[in-house]
Amino acid sequence: MAGASREQGAQVLEILYPVRNNLYFAMVMGLPALFLMWVTGQRHKNKKLINALWRRGKSILLAAYMTDCALQVYQLTLLNGAFSWSRAITLLITVWLGLYLIRSTRVRNTFADQPLER
């Protein structure tokens, strides 16, 4: 959003991430998901390490999720719990995503998937 609105990009970032270092930390927390997207294309029967990482994909995503939750709680403590619609919606989406990761049979079946034949 901040990149799309040239004139107000800094203000949008200030609303979403009042502490700029948290933005960079949040970007780093997205790396496990990007890594798993790359691993998706590398799965073959003869790549045992890649397949072992793939089977632990749900755990990797849950660890990144918990780190994101901790970051959001930290941001709330910096603001002394002051209400903000952007933070409330972000927290709601985060809780929904966590429930999906934990309860979804699709996620469980995806990471239990067998490697591709080649």
PDB file of N, CA and C in Angstrom:
ATOM      1  N   MET A   1       0.820  -1.192   0.000  1.00  0.00           N
ATOM      2  CA  MET A   1       0.000   0.000   0.000  1.00  0.00           C
ATOM      3  C   MET A   1       0.862   1.252   0.000  1.00  0.00           C
ATOM      4  N   ALA A   2       1.900   1.219   0.813  1.00  0.00           N
ATOM      5  CA  ALA A   2       2.733   2.409   0.927  1.00  0.00           C
ATOM      6  C   ALA A   2       3.466   2.698  -0.374  1.00  0.00           C
ATOM      7  N   GLY A   3       3.828   1.650  -1.112  1.00  0.00           N
ATOM      8  CA  GLY A   3       4.513   1.861  -2.376  1.00  0.00           C
ATOM      9  C   GLY A   3       3.589   2.364  -3.468  1.00  0.00           C
ATOM     10  N   ALA A   4       2.322   2.017  -3.391  1.00  0.00           N
ATOM     11  CA  ALA A   4       1.369   2.420  -4.420  1.00  0.00           C
ATOM     12  C   ALA A   4       0.947   3.874  -4.280  1.00  0.00           C
ATOM     13  N   SER A   5       0.950   4.371  -3.072  1.00  0.00           N
ATOM     14  CA  SER A   5       0.563   5.775  -2.870  1.00  0.00           C
ATOM     15  C   SER A   5       1.830   6.591  -2.655  1.00  0.00           C
ATOM     16  N   ARG A   6       2.329   7.191  -3.696  1.00  0.00           N
ATOM     17  CA  ARG A   6       3.622   7.876  -3.655  1.00  0.00           C
ATOM     18  C   ARG A   6       3.647   9.048  -2.679  1.00  0.00           C
ATOM     19  N   GLU A   7       2.587   9.853  -2.719  1.00  0.00           N
ATOM     20  CA  GLU A   7       2.602  11.054  -1.889  1.00  0.00           C
ATOM     21  C   GLU A   7       2.430  10.730  -0.402  1.00  0.00           C
ATOM     22  N   GLN A   8       1.653   9.693  -0.102  1.00  0.00           N
ATOM     23  CA  GLN A   8       1.335   9.413   1.292  1.00  0.00           C
ATOM     24  C   GLN A   8       1.956   8.109   1.790  1.00  0.00           C
ATOM     25  N   GLY A   9       2.949   7.598   1.110  1.00  0.00           N
ATOM     26  CA  GLY A   9       3.565   6.331   1.484  1.00  0.00           C
ATOM     27  C   GLY A   9       4.141   6.331   2.881  1.00  0.00           C
ATOM     28  N   ALA A  10       4.816   7.398   3.257  1.00  0.00           N
ATOM     29  CA  ALA A  10       5.412   7.465   4.592  1.00  0.00           C
ATOM     30  C   ALA A  10       4.336   7.491   5.674  1.00  0.00           C
ATOM     31  N   GLN A  11       3.229   8.174   5.390  1.00  0.00           N
ATOM     32  CA  GLN A  11       2.156   8.234   6.395  1.00  0.00           C
ATOM     33  C   GLN A  11       1.478   6.875   6.554  1.00  0.00           C
ATOM     34  N   VAL A  12       1.311   6.140   5.448  1.00  0.00           N
ATOM     35  CA  VAL A  12       0.710   4.809   5.531  1.00  0.00           C
ATOM     36  C   VAL A  12       1.616   3.882   6.330  1.00  0.00           C
ATOM     37  N   LEU A  13       2.917   3.940   6.074  1.00  0.00           N
ATOM     38  CA  LEU A  13       3.858   3.121   6.843  1.00  0.00           C
ATOM     39  C   LEU A  13       3.852   3.501   8.317  1.00  0.00           C
ATOM     40  N   GLU A  14       3.708   4.762   8.610  1.00  0.00           N
ATOM     41  CA  GLU A  14       3.671   5.219  10.003  1.00  0.00           C
ATOM     42  C   GLU A  14       2.450   4.662  10.727  1.00  0.00           C
ATOM     43  N   ILE A  15       1.322   4.530  10.018  1.00  0.00           N
ATOM     44  CA  ILE A  15       0.116   3.967  10.635  1.00  0.00           C
ATOM     45  C   ILE A  15       0.300   2.479  10.905  1.00  0.00           C
ATOM     46  N   LEU A  16       0.838   1.759   9.920  1.00  0.00           N
ATOM     47  CA  LEU A  16       0.976   0.313  10.062  1.00  0.00           C
ATOM     48  C   LEU A  16       2.148  -0.096  10.944  1.00  0.00           C
ATOM     49  N   TYR A  17       3.238   0.621  10.847  1.00  0.00           N
ATOM     50  CA  TYR A  17       4.450   0.308  11.619  1.00  0.00           C
ATOM     51  C   TYR A  17       4.999   1.578  12.240  1.00  0.00           C
ATOM     52  N   PRO A  18       4.548   1.916  13.457  1.00  0.00           N
ATOM     53  CA  PRO A  18       5.048   3.137  14.083  1.00  0.00           C
ATOM     54  C   PRO A  18       6.552   3.079  14.376  1.00  0.00           C
ATOM     55  N   VAL A  19       7.071   1.908  14.625  1.00  0.00           N
ATOM     56  CA  VAL A  19       8.510   1.727  14.815  1.00  0.00           C
ATOM     57  C   VAL A  19       9.051   1.107  13.532  1.00  0.00           C
ATOM     58  N   ARG A  20       9.874   1.830  12.805  1.00  0.00           N
ATOM     59  CA  ARG A  20      10.323   1.409  11.477  1.00  0.00           C
ATOM     60  C   ARG A  20      11.073   0.080  11.514  1.00  0.00           C
ATOM     61  N   ASN A  21      11.784  -0.224  12.587  1.00  0.00           N
ATOM     62  CA  ASN A  21      12.507  -1.492  12.676  1.00  0.00           C
ATOM     63  C   ASN A  21      11.550  -2.683  12.647  1.00  0.00           C
ATOM     64  N   ASN A  22      10.338  -2.491  13.139  1.00  0.00           N
ATOM     65  CA  ASN A  22       9.357  -3.577  13.105  1.00  0.00           C
ATOM     66  C   ASN A  22       8.959  -3.924  11.675  1.00  0.00           C
ATOM     67  N   LEU A  23       8.991  -2.957  10.781  1.00  0.00           N
ATOM     68  CA  LEU A  23       8.706  -3.218   9.371  1.00  0.00           C
ATOM     69  C   LEU A  23       9.739  -4.183   8.802  1.00  0.00           C
ATOM     70  N   TYR A  24      10.995  -3.917   9.062  1.00  0.00           N
ATOM     71  CA  TYR A  24      12.056  -4.780   8.547  1.00  0.00           C
ATOM     72  C   TYR A  24      11.979  -6.162   9.181  1.00  0.00           C
ATOM     73  N   PHE A  25      11.654  -6.213  10.465  1.00  0.00           N
ATOM     74  CA  PHE A  25      11.513  -7.496  11.144  1.00  0.00           C
ATOM     75  C   PHE A  25      10.342  -8.281  10.557  1.00  0.00           C
ATOM     76  N   ALA A  26       9.243  -7.604  10.243  1.00  0.00           N
ATOM     77  CA  ALA A  26       8.084  -8.264   9.635  1.00  0.00           C
ATOM     78  C   ALA A  26       8.430  -8.787   8.245  1.00  0.00           C
ATOM     79  N   MET A  27       9.238  -8.058   7.501  1.00  0.00           N
ATOM     80  CA  MET A  27       9.653  -8.526   6.183  1.00  0.00           C
ATOM     81  C   MET A  27      10.520  -9.778   6.297  1.00  0.00           C
ATOM     82  N   VAL A  28      11.371  -9.830   7.298  1.00  0.00           N
ATOM     83  CA  VAL A  28      12.211 -11.008   7.517  1.00  0.00           C
ATOM     84  C   VAL A  28      11.345 -12.198   7.924  1.00  0.00           C
ATOM     85  N   MET A  29      10.263 -11.944   8.667  1.00  0.00           N
ATOM     86  CA  MET A  29       9.387 -13.030   9.091  1.00  0.00           C
ATOM     87  C   MET A  29       8.644 -13.653   7.911  1.00  0.00           C
ATOM     88  N   GLY A  30       8.575 -12.986   6.794  1.00  0.00           N
ATOM     89  CA  GLY A  30       7.956 -13.548   5.601  1.00  0.00           C
ATOM     90  C   GLY A  30       8.871 -14.488   4.842  1.00  0.00           C
ATOM     91  N   LEU A  31      10.158 -14.500   5.183  1.00  0.00           N
ATOM     92  CA  LEU A  31      11.108 -15.355   4.477  1.00  0.00           C
ATOM     93  C   LEU A  31      10.814 -16.849   4.592  1.00  0.00           C
ATOM     94  N   PRO A  32      10.359 -17.369   5.750  1.00  0.00           N
ATOM     95  CA  PRO A  32      10.036 -18.803   5.782  1.00  0.00           C
ATOM     96  C   PRO A  32       8.963 -19.194   4.768  1.00  0.00           C
ATOM     97  N   ALA A  33       7.947 -18.365   4.594  1.00  0.00           N
ATOM     98  CA  ALA A  33       6.905 -18.669   3.606  1.00  0.00           C
ATOM     99  C   ALA A  33       7.482 -18.636   2.193  1.00  0.00           C
ATOM    100  N   LEU A  34       8.338 -17.653   1.914  1.00  0.00           N
ATOM    101  CA  LEU A  34       8.991 -17.606   0.596  1.00  0.00           C
ATOM    102  C   LEU A  34       9.885 -18.824   0.378  1.00  0.00           C
ATOM    103  N   PHE A  35      10.584 -19.222   1.420  1.00  0.00           N
ATOM    104  CA  PHE A  35      11.439 -20.401   1.342  1.00  0.00           C
ATOM    105  C   PHE A  35      10.611 -21.646   1.032  1.00  0.00           C
ATOM    106  N   LEU A  36       9.468 -21.789   1.687  1.00  0.00           N
ATOM    107  CA  LEU A  36       8.617 -22.952   1.437  1.00  0.00           C
ATOM    108  C   LEU A  36       8.034 -22.929   0.024  1.00  0.00           C
ATOM    109  N   MET A  37       7.776 -21.732  -0.500  1.00  0.00           N
ATOM    110  CA  MET A  37       7.319 -21.655  -1.894  1.00  0.00           C
ATOM    111  C   MET A  37       8.415 -22.153  -2.842  1.00  0.00           C
ATOM    112  N   TRP A  38       9.658 -21.816  -2.542  1.00  0.00           N
ATOM    113  CA  TRP A  38      10.771 -22.288  -3.366  1.00  0.00           C
ATOM    114  C   TRP A  38      10.923 -23.805  -3.229  1.00  0.00           C
ATOM    115  N   VAL A  39      10.790 -24.316  -2.001  1.00  0.00           N
ATOM    116  CA  VAL A  39      10.937 -25.754  -1.745  1.00  0.00           C
ATOM    117  C   VAL A  39       9.876 -26.546  -2.497  1.00  0.00           C
ATOM    118  N   THR A  40       8.700 -25.955  -2.699  1.00  0.00           N
ATOM    119  CA  THR A  40       7.621 -26.634  -3.417  1.00  0.00           C
ATOM    120  C   THR A  40       8.088 -27.128  -4.780  1.00  0.00           C
ATOM    121  N   GLY A  41       8.808 -26.310  -5.478  1.00  0.00           N
ATOM    122  CA  GLY A  41       9.284 -26.698  -6.807  1.00  0.00           C
ATOM    123  C   GLY A  41      10.504 -27.594  -6.795  1.00  0.00           C
ATOM    124  N   GLN A  42      11.130 -27.772  -5.652  1.00  0.00           N
ATOM    125  CA  GLN A  42      12.358 -28.564  -5.567  1.00  0.00           C
ATOM    126  C   GLN A  42      12.122 -29.982  -5.064  1.00  0.00           C
ATOM    127  N   ARG A  43      10.880 -30.322  -4.749  1.00  0.00           N
ATOM    128  CA  ARG A  43      10.591 -31.641  -4.177  1.00  0.00           C
ATOM    129  C   ARG A  43      10.642 -32.728  -5.245  1.00  0.00           C
ATOM    130  N   HIS A  44      11.522 -33.690  -5.033  1.00  0.00           N
ATOM    131  CA  HIS A  44      11.651 -34.864  -5.891  1.00  0.00           C
ATOM    132  C   HIS A  44      12.006 -36.030  -4.988  1.00  0.00           C
ATOM    133  N   LYS A  45      11.812 -37.239  -5.470  1.00  0.00           N
ATOM    134  CA  LYS A  45      12.075 -38.410  -4.627  1.00  0.00           C
ATOM    135  C   LYS A  45      13.521 -38.500  -4.162  1.00  0.00           C
ATOM    136  N   ASN A  46      14.459 -38.038  -4.948  1.00  0.00           N
ATOM    137  CA  ASN A  46      15.861 -38.194  -4.595  1.00  0.00           C
ATOM    138  C   ASN A  46      16.421 -37.039  -3.759  1.00  0.00           C
ATOM    139  N   LYS A  47      15.598 -36.075  -3.363  1.00  0.00           N
ATOM    140  CA  LYS A  47      16.067 -34.952  -2.539  1.00  0.00           C
ATOM    141  C   LYS A  47      15.511 -35.097  -1.133  1.00  0.00           C
ATOM    142  N   LYS A  48      16.224 -35.855  -0.319  1.00  0.00           N
ATOM    143  CA  LYS A  48      15.730 -36.186   1.015  1.00  0.00           C
ATOM    144  C   LYS A  48      15.700 -34.980   1.950  1.00  0.00           C
ATOM    145  N   LEU A  49      16.691 -34.105   1.880  1.00  0.00           N
ATOM    146  CA  LEU A  49      16.722 -32.930   2.753  1.00  0.00           C
ATOM    147  C   LEU A  49      15.558 -31.986   2.440  1.00  0.00           C
ATOM    148  N   ILE A  50      15.322 -31.743   1.163  1.00  0.00           N
ATOM    149  CA  ILE A  50      14.221 -30.868   0.755  1.00  0.00           C
ATOM    150  C   ILE A  50      12.892 -31.454   1.200  1.00  0.00           C
ATOM    151  N   ASN A  51      12.722 -32.764   1.038  1.00  0.00           N
ATOM    152  CA  ASN A  51      11.474 -33.412   1.436  1.00  0.00           C
ATOM    153  C   ASN A  51      11.283 -33.380   2.944  1.00  0.00           C
ATOM    154  N   ALA A  52      12.371 -33.507   3.697  1.00  0.00           N
ATOM    155  CA  ALA A  52      12.270 -33.421   5.158  1.00  0.00           C
ATOM    156  C   ALA A  52      11.870 -32.006   5.579  1.00  0.00           C
ATOM    157  N   LEU A  53      12.431 -30.994   4.918  1.00  0.00           N
ATOM    158  CA  LEU A  53      12.032 -29.612   5.212  1.00  0.00           C
ATOM    159  C   LEU A  53      10.569 -29.378   4.852  1.00  0.00           C
ATOM    160  N   TRP A  54      10.126 -29.954   3.750  1.00  0.00           N
ATOM    161  CA  TRP A  54       8.734 -29.791   3.331  1.00  0.00           C
ATOM    162  C   TRP A  54       7.766 -30.389   4.357  1.00  0.00           C
ATOM    163  N   ARG A  55       8.120 -31.563   4.874  1.00  0.00           N
ATOM    164  CA  ARG A  55       7.236 -32.192   5.854  1.00  0.00           C
ATOM    165  C   ARG A  55       7.157 -31.385   7.146  1.00  0.00           C
ATOM    166  N   ARG A  56       8.152 -30.560   7.422  1.00  0.00           N
ATOM    167  CA  ARG A  56       8.138 -29.693   8.609  1.00  0.00           C
ATOM    168  C   ARG A  56       7.628 -28.289   8.284  1.00  0.00           C
ATOM    169  N   GLY A  57       7.059 -28.124   7.105  1.00  0.00           N
ATOM    170  CA  GLY A  57       6.593 -26.820   6.647  1.00  0.00           C
ATOM    171  C   GLY A  57       5.546 -26.207   7.543  1.00  0.00           C
ATOM    172  N   LYS A  58       4.606 -27.007   8.039  1.00  0.00           N
ATOM    173  CA  LYS A  58       3.573 -26.472   8.919  1.00  0.00           C
ATOM    174  C   LYS A  58       4.200 -25.945  10.199  1.00  0.00           C
ATOM    175  N   SER A  59       5.161 -26.659  10.748  1.00  0.00           N
ATOM    176  CA  SER A  59       5.847 -26.200  11.961  1.00  0.00           C
ATOM    177  C   SER A  59       6.627 -24.915  11.703  1.00  0.00           C
ATOM    178  N   ILE A  60       7.243 -24.829  10.534  1.00  0.00           N
ATOM    179  CA  ILE A  60       7.987 -23.620  10.177  1.00  0.00           C
ATOM    180  C   ILE A  60       7.037 -22.431  10.079  1.00  0.00           C
ATOM    181  N   LEU A  61       5.896 -22.635   9.420  1.00  0.00           N
ATOM    182  CA  LEU A  61       4.919 -21.550   9.310  1.00  0.00           C
ATOM    183  C   LEU A  61       4.338 -21.164  10.668  1.00  0.00           C
ATOM    184  N   LEU A  62       4.094 -22.144  11.535  1.00  0.00           N
ATOM    185  CA  LEU A  62       3.573 -21.837  12.870  1.00  0.00           C
ATOM    186  C   LEU A  62       4.594 -21.060  13.706  1.00  0.00           C
ATOM    187  N   ALA A  63       5.872 -21.385  13.541  1.00  0.00           N
ATOM    188  CA  ALA A  63       6.911 -20.629  14.259  1.00  0.00           C
ATOM    189  C   ALA A  63       6.947 -19.181  13.777  1.00  0.00           C
ATOM    190  N   ALA A  64       6.843 -18.969  12.465  1.00  0.00           N
ATOM    191  CA  ALA A  64       6.806 -17.603  11.935  1.00  0.00           C
ATOM    192  C   ALA A  64       5.545 -16.886  12.401  1.00  0.00           C
ATOM    193  N   TYR A  65       4.434 -17.610  12.475  1.00  0.00           N
ATOM    194  CA  TYR A  65       3.171 -17.041  12.953  1.00  0.00           C
ATOM    195  C   TYR A  65       3.294 -16.588  14.407  1.00  0.00           C
ATOM    196  N   MET A  66       3.878 -17.426  15.240  1.00  0.00           N
ATOM    197  CA  MET A  66       4.029 -17.067  16.662  1.00  0.00           C
ATOM    198  C   MET A  66       4.948 -15.858  16.819  1.00  0.00           C
ATOM    199  N   THR A  67       5.971 -15.774  15.997  1.00  0.00           N
ATOM    200  CA  THR A  67       6.856 -14.615  16.037  1.00  0.00           C
ATOM    201  C   THR A  67       6.109 -13.359  15.624  1.00  0.00           C
ATOM    202  N   ASP A  68       5.248 -13.469  14.621  1.00  0.00           N
ATOM    203  CA  ASP A  68       4.434 -12.333  14.197  1.00  0.00           C
ATOM    204  C   ASP A  68       3.474 -11.904  15.301  1.00  0.00           C
ATOM    205  N   CYS A  69       2.872 -12.881  15.971  1.00  0.00           N
ATOM    206  CA  CYS A  69       1.985 -12.550  17.099  1.00  0.00           C
ATOM    207  C   CYS A  69       2.748 -11.809  18.190  1.00  0.00           C
ATOM    208  N   ALA A  70       3.950 -12.267  18.486  1.00  0.00           N
ATOM    209  CA  ALA A  70       4.762 -11.600  19.501  1.00  0.00           C
ATOM    210  C   ALA A  70       5.089 -10.172  19.076  1.00  0.00           C
ATOM    211  N   LEU A  71       5.378  -9.967  17.797  1.00  0.00           N
ATOM    212  CA  LEU A  71       5.659  -8.625  17.301  1.00  0.00           C
ATOM    213  C   LEU A  71       4.430  -7.728  17.438  1.00  0.00           C
ATOM    214  N   GLN A  72       3.250  -8.258  17.144  1.00  0.00           N
ATOM    215  CA  GLN A  72       2.044  -7.456  17.268  1.00  0.00           C
ATOM    216  C   GLN A  72       1.748  -7.093  18.722  1.00  0.00           C
ATOM    217  N   VAL A  73       1.969  -8.022  19.632  1.00  0.00           N
ATOM    218  CA  VAL A  73       1.787  -7.720  21.055  1.00  0.00           C
ATOM    219  C   VAL A  73       2.795  -6.662  21.500  1.00  0.00           C
ATOM    220  N   TYR A  74       4.008  -6.758  21.017  1.00  0.00           N
ATOM    221  CA  TYR A  74       5.024  -5.759  21.330  1.00  0.00           C
ATOM    222  C   TYR A  74       4.615  -4.370  20.840  1.00  0.00           C
ATOM    223  N   GLN A  75       4.060  -4.322  19.616  1.00  0.00           N
ATOM    224  CA  GLN A  75       3.598  -3.032  19.091  1.00  0.00           C
ATOM    225  C   GLN A  75       2.461  -2.462  19.936  1.00  0.00           C
ATOM    226  N   LEU A  76       1.581  -3.334  20.408  1.00  0.00           N
ATOM    227  CA  LEU A  76       0.490  -2.865  21.278  1.00  0.00           C
ATOM    228  C   LEU A  76       1.015  -2.329  22.596  1.00  0.00           C
ATOM    229  N   THR A  77       2.048  -2.957  23.138  1.00  0.00           N
ATOM    230  CA  THR A  77       2.609  -2.455  24.392  1.00  0.00           C
ATOM    231  C   THR A  77       3.320  -1.122  24.191  1.00  0.00           C
ATOM    232  N   LEU A  78       3.900  -0.918  23.005  1.00  0.00           N
ATOM    233  CA  LEU A  78       4.530   0.378  22.734  1.00  0.00           C
ATOM    234  C   LEU A  78       3.509   1.506  22.721  1.00  0.00           C
ATOM    235  N   LEU A  79       2.289   1.186  22.310  1.00  0.00           N
ATOM    236  CA  LEU A  79       1.224   2.195  22.240  1.00  0.00           C
ATOM    237  C   LEU A  79       0.348   2.189  23.490  1.00  0.00           C
ATOM    238  N   ASN A  80       0.750   1.446  24.505  1.00  0.00           N
ATOM    239  CA  ASN A  80       0.005   1.329  25.759  1.00  0.00           C
ATOM    240  C   ASN A  80      -1.426   0.857  25.527  1.00  0.00           C
ATOM    241  N   GLY A  81      -1.629  -0.008  24.551  1.00  0.00           N
ATOM    242  CA  GLY A  81      -2.933  -0.581  24.276  1.00  0.00           C
ATOM    243  C   GLY A  81      -3.922   0.359  23.617  1.00  0.00           C
ATOM    244  N   ALA A  82      -3.457   1.472  23.061  1.00  0.00           N
ATOM    245  CA  ALA A  82      -4.358   2.423  22.399  1.00  0.00           C
ATOM    246  C   ALA A  82      -5.010   1.761  21.186  1.00  0.00           C
ATOM    247  N   PHE A  83      -6.312   1.980  21.013  1.00  0.00           N
ATOM    248  CA  PHE A  83      -7.052   1.347  19.929  1.00  0.00           C
ATOM    249  C   PHE A  83      -6.746   2.014  18.595  1.00  0.00           C
ATOM    250  N   SER A  84      -6.593   1.174  17.579  1.00  0.00           N
ATOM    251  CA  SER A  84      -6.394   1.630  16.215  1.00  0.00           C
ATOM    252  C   SER A  84      -7.068   0.620  15.299  1.00  0.00           C
ATOM    253  N   TRP A  85      -7.846   1.107  14.328  1.00  0.00           N
ATOM    254  CA  TRP A  85      -8.528   0.193  13.426  1.00  0.00           C
ATOM    255  C   TRP A  85      -7.554  -0.655  12.629  1.00  0.00           C
ATOM    256  N   SER A  86      -6.463  -0.081  12.193  1.00  0.00           N
ATOM    257  CA  SER A  86      -5.507  -0.857  11.396  1.00  0.00           C
ATOM    258  C   SER A  86      -4.904  -1.995  12.211  1.00  0.00           C
ATOM    259  N   ARG A  87      -4.574  -1.733  13.464  1.00  0.00           N
ATOM    260  CA  ARG A  87      -4.017  -2.787  14.312  1.00  0.00           C
ATOM    261  C   ARG A  87      -5.074  -3.824  14.681  1.00  0.00           C
ATOM    262  N   ALA A  88      -6.298  -3.383  14.903  1.00  0.00           N
ATOM    263  CA  ALA A  88      -7.375  -4.312  15.249  1.00  0.00           C
ATOM    264  C   ALA A  88      -7.663  -5.259  14.087  1.00  0.00           C
ATOM    265  N   ILE A  89      -7.721  -4.731  12.878  1.00  0.00           N
ATOM    266  CA  ILE A  89      -7.983  -5.573  11.710  1.00  0.00           C
ATOM    267  C   ILE A  89      -6.813  -6.517  11.465  1.00  0.00           C
ATOM    268  N   THR A  90      -5.595  -6.019  11.620  1.00  0.00           N
ATOM    269  CA  THR A  90      -4.410  -6.860  11.457  1.00  0.00           C
ATOM    270  C   THR A  90      -4.405  -7.988  12.479  1.00  0.00           C
ATOM    271  N   LEU A  91      -4.744  -7.672  13.714  1.00  0.00           N
ATOM    272  CA  LEU A  91      -4.784  -8.689  14.758  1.00  0.00           C
ATOM    273  C   LEU A  91      -5.887  -9.708  14.484  1.00  0.00           C
ATOM    274  N   LEU A  92      -7.033  -9.260  14.002  1.00  0.00           N
ATOM    275  CA  LEU A  92      -8.124 -10.170  13.668  1.00  0.00           C
ATOM    276  C   LEU A  92      -7.719 -11.120  12.545  1.00  0.00           C
ATOM    277  N   ILE A  93      -7.086 -10.598  11.508  1.00  0.00           N
ATOM    278  CA  ILE A  93      -6.625 -11.439  10.398  1.00  0.00           C
ATOM    279  C   ILE A  93      -5.557 -12.417  10.880  1.00  0.00           C
ATOM    280  N   THR A  94      -4.693 -11.974  11.770  1.00  0.00           N
ATOM    281  CA  THR A  94      -3.645 -12.837  12.302  1.00  0.00           C
ATOM    282  C   THR A  94      -4.238 -13.992  13.099  1.00  0.00           C
ATOM    283  N   VAL A  95      -5.244 -13.708  13.915  1.00  0.00           N
ATOM    284  CA  VAL A  95      -5.895 -14.769  14.694  1.00  0.00           C
ATOM    285  C   VAL A  95      -6.582 -15.753  13.750  1.00  0.00           C
ATOM    286  N   TRP A  96      -7.263 -15.239  12.714  1.00  0.00           N
ATOM    287  CA  TRP A  96      -7.926 -16.111  11.758  1.00  0.00           C
ATOM    288  C   TRP A  96      -6.909 -17.009  11.043  1.00  0.00           C
ATOM    289  N   LEU A  97      -5.787 -16.434  10.640  1.00  0.00           N
ATOM    290  CA  LEU A  97      -4.751 -17.218   9.970  1.00  0.00           C
ATOM    291  C   LEU A  97      -4.211 -18.308  10.886  1.00  0.00           C
ATOM    292  N   GLY A  98      -4.003 -17.986  12.153  1.00  0.00           N
ATOM    293  CA  GLY A  98      -3.522 -18.991  13.096  1.00  0.00           C
ATOM    294  C   GLY A  98      -4.495 -20.145  13.248  1.00  0.00           C
ATOM    295  N   LEU A  99      -5.773 -19.826  13.349  1.00  0.00           N
ATOM    296  CA  LEU A  99      -6.781 -20.888  13.437  1.00  0.00           C
ATOM    297  C   LEU A  99      -6.781 -21.741  12.172  1.00  0.00           C
ATOM    298  N   TYR A 100      -6.631 -21.103  11.038  1.00  0.00           N
ATOM    299  CA  TYR A 100      -6.584 -21.848   9.777  1.00  0.00           C
ATOM    300  C   TYR A 100      -5.366 -22.770   9.730  1.00  0.00           C
ATOM    301  N   LEU A 101      -4.199 -22.266  10.108  1.00  0.00           N
ATOM    302  CA  LEU A 101      -2.985 -23.083  10.085  1.00  0.00           C
ATOM    303  C   LEU A 101      -3.095 -24.285  11.020  1.00  0.00           C
ATOM    304  N   ILE A 102      -3.725 -24.084  12.158  1.00  0.00           N
ATOM    305  CA  ILE A 102      -3.808 -25.150  13.154  1.00  0.00           C
ATOM    306  C   ILE A 102      -4.877 -26.180  12.787  1.00  0.00           C
ATOM    307  N   ARG A 103      -6.034 -25.731  12.314  1.00  0.00           N
ATOM    308  CA  ARG A 103      -7.173 -26.624  12.150  1.00  0.00           C
ATOM    309  C   ARG A 103      -7.393 -27.150  10.732  1.00  0.00           C
ATOM    310  N   SER A 104      -6.763 -26.582   9.746  1.00  0.00           N
ATOM    311  CA  SER A 104      -7.061 -26.921   8.362  1.00  0.00           C
ATOM    312  C   SER A 104      -6.523 -28.301   7.968  1.00  0.00           C
ATOM    313  N   THR A 105      -7.402 -29.105   7.415  1.00  0.00           N
ATOM    314  CA  THR A 105      -6.950 -30.393   6.885  1.00  0.00           C
ATOM    315  C   THR A 105      -6.180 -30.194   5.576  1.00  0.00           C
ATOM    316  N   ARG A 106      -6.506 -29.134   4.867  1.00  0.00           N
ATOM    317  CA  ARG A 106      -5.789 -28.851   3.625  1.00  0.00           C
ATOM    318  C   ARG A 106      -4.309 -28.556   3.900  1.00  0.00           C
ATOM    319  N   VAL A 107      -4.032 -27.766   4.926  1.00  0.00           N
ATOM    320  CA  VAL A 107      -2.636 -27.470   5.281  1.00  0.00           C
ATOM    321  C   VAL A 107      -1.933 -28.750   5.723  1.00  0.00           C
ATOM    322  N   ARG A 108      -2.595 -29.541   6.547  1.00  0.00           N
ATOM    323  CA  ARG A 108      -2.004 -30.804   7.021  1.00  0.00           C
ATOM    324  C   ARG A 108      -1.713 -31.729   5.838  1.00  0.00           C
ATOM    325  N   ASN A 109      -2.664 -31.863   4.915  1.00  0.00           N
ATOM    326  CA  ASN A 109      -2.467 -32.736   3.753  1.00  0.00           C
ATOM    327  C   ASN A 109      -1.407 -32.202   2.799  1.00  0.00           C
ATOM    328  N   THR A 110      -1.309 -30.892   2.689  1.00  0.00           N
ATOM    329  CA  THR A 110      -0.307 -30.303   1.800  1.00  0.00           C
ATOM    330  C   THR A 110       1.098 -30.652   2.258  1.00  0.00           C
ATOM    331  N   PHE A 111       1.344 -30.539   3.545  1.00  0.00           N
ATOM    332  CA  PHE A 111       2.703 -30.797   4.033  1.00  0.00           C
ATOM    333  C   PHE A 111       2.966 -32.274   4.296  1.00  0.00           C
ATOM    334  N   ALA A 112       1.949 -33.113   4.200  1.00  0.00           N
ATOM    335  CA  ALA A 112       2.150 -34.557   4.296  1.00  0.00           C
ATOM    336  C   ALA A 112       2.301 -35.163   2.911  1.00  0.00           C
ATOM    337  N   ASP A 113       2.245 -34.317   1.902  1.00  0.00           N
ATOM    338  CA  ASP A 113       2.277 -34.723   0.505  1.00  0.00           C
ATOM    339  C   ASP A 113       3.562 -35.480   0.172  1.00  0.00           C
ATOM    340  N   GLN A 114       3.450 -36.410  -0.736  1.00  0.00           N
ATOM    341  CA  GLN A 114       4.606 -37.161  -1.194  1.00  0.00           C
ATOM    342  C   GLN A 114       5.369 -36.359  -2.239  1.00  0.00           C
ATOM    343  N   PRO A 115       6.675 -36.551  -2.363  1.00  0.00           N
ATOM    344  CA  PRO A 115       7.454 -35.829  -3.375  1.00  0.00           C
ATOM    345  C   PRO A 115       7.038 -36.198  -4.790  1.00  0.00           C
ATOM    346  N   LEU A 116       7.294 -35.296  -5.703  1.00  0.00           N
ATOM    347  CA  LEU A 116       6.951 -35.498  -7.102  1.00  0.00           C
ATOM    348  C   LEU A 116       7.911 -36.472  -7.760  1.00  0.00           C
ATOM    349  N   GLU A 117       7.428 -37.251  -8.687  1.00  0.00           N
ATOM    350  CA  GLU A 117       8.265 -38.204  -9.406  1.00  0.00           C
ATOM    351  C   GLU A 117       8.925 -37.521 -10.592  1.00  0.00           C
ATOM    352  N   ARG A 118      10.190 -37.765 -10.782  1.00  0.00           N
ATOM    353  CA  ARG A 118      10.903 -37.249 -11.963  1.00  0.00           C
ATOM    354  C   ARG A 118      11.970 -38.201 -12.362  1.00  0.00           C
TER     355      ARG A 118
END
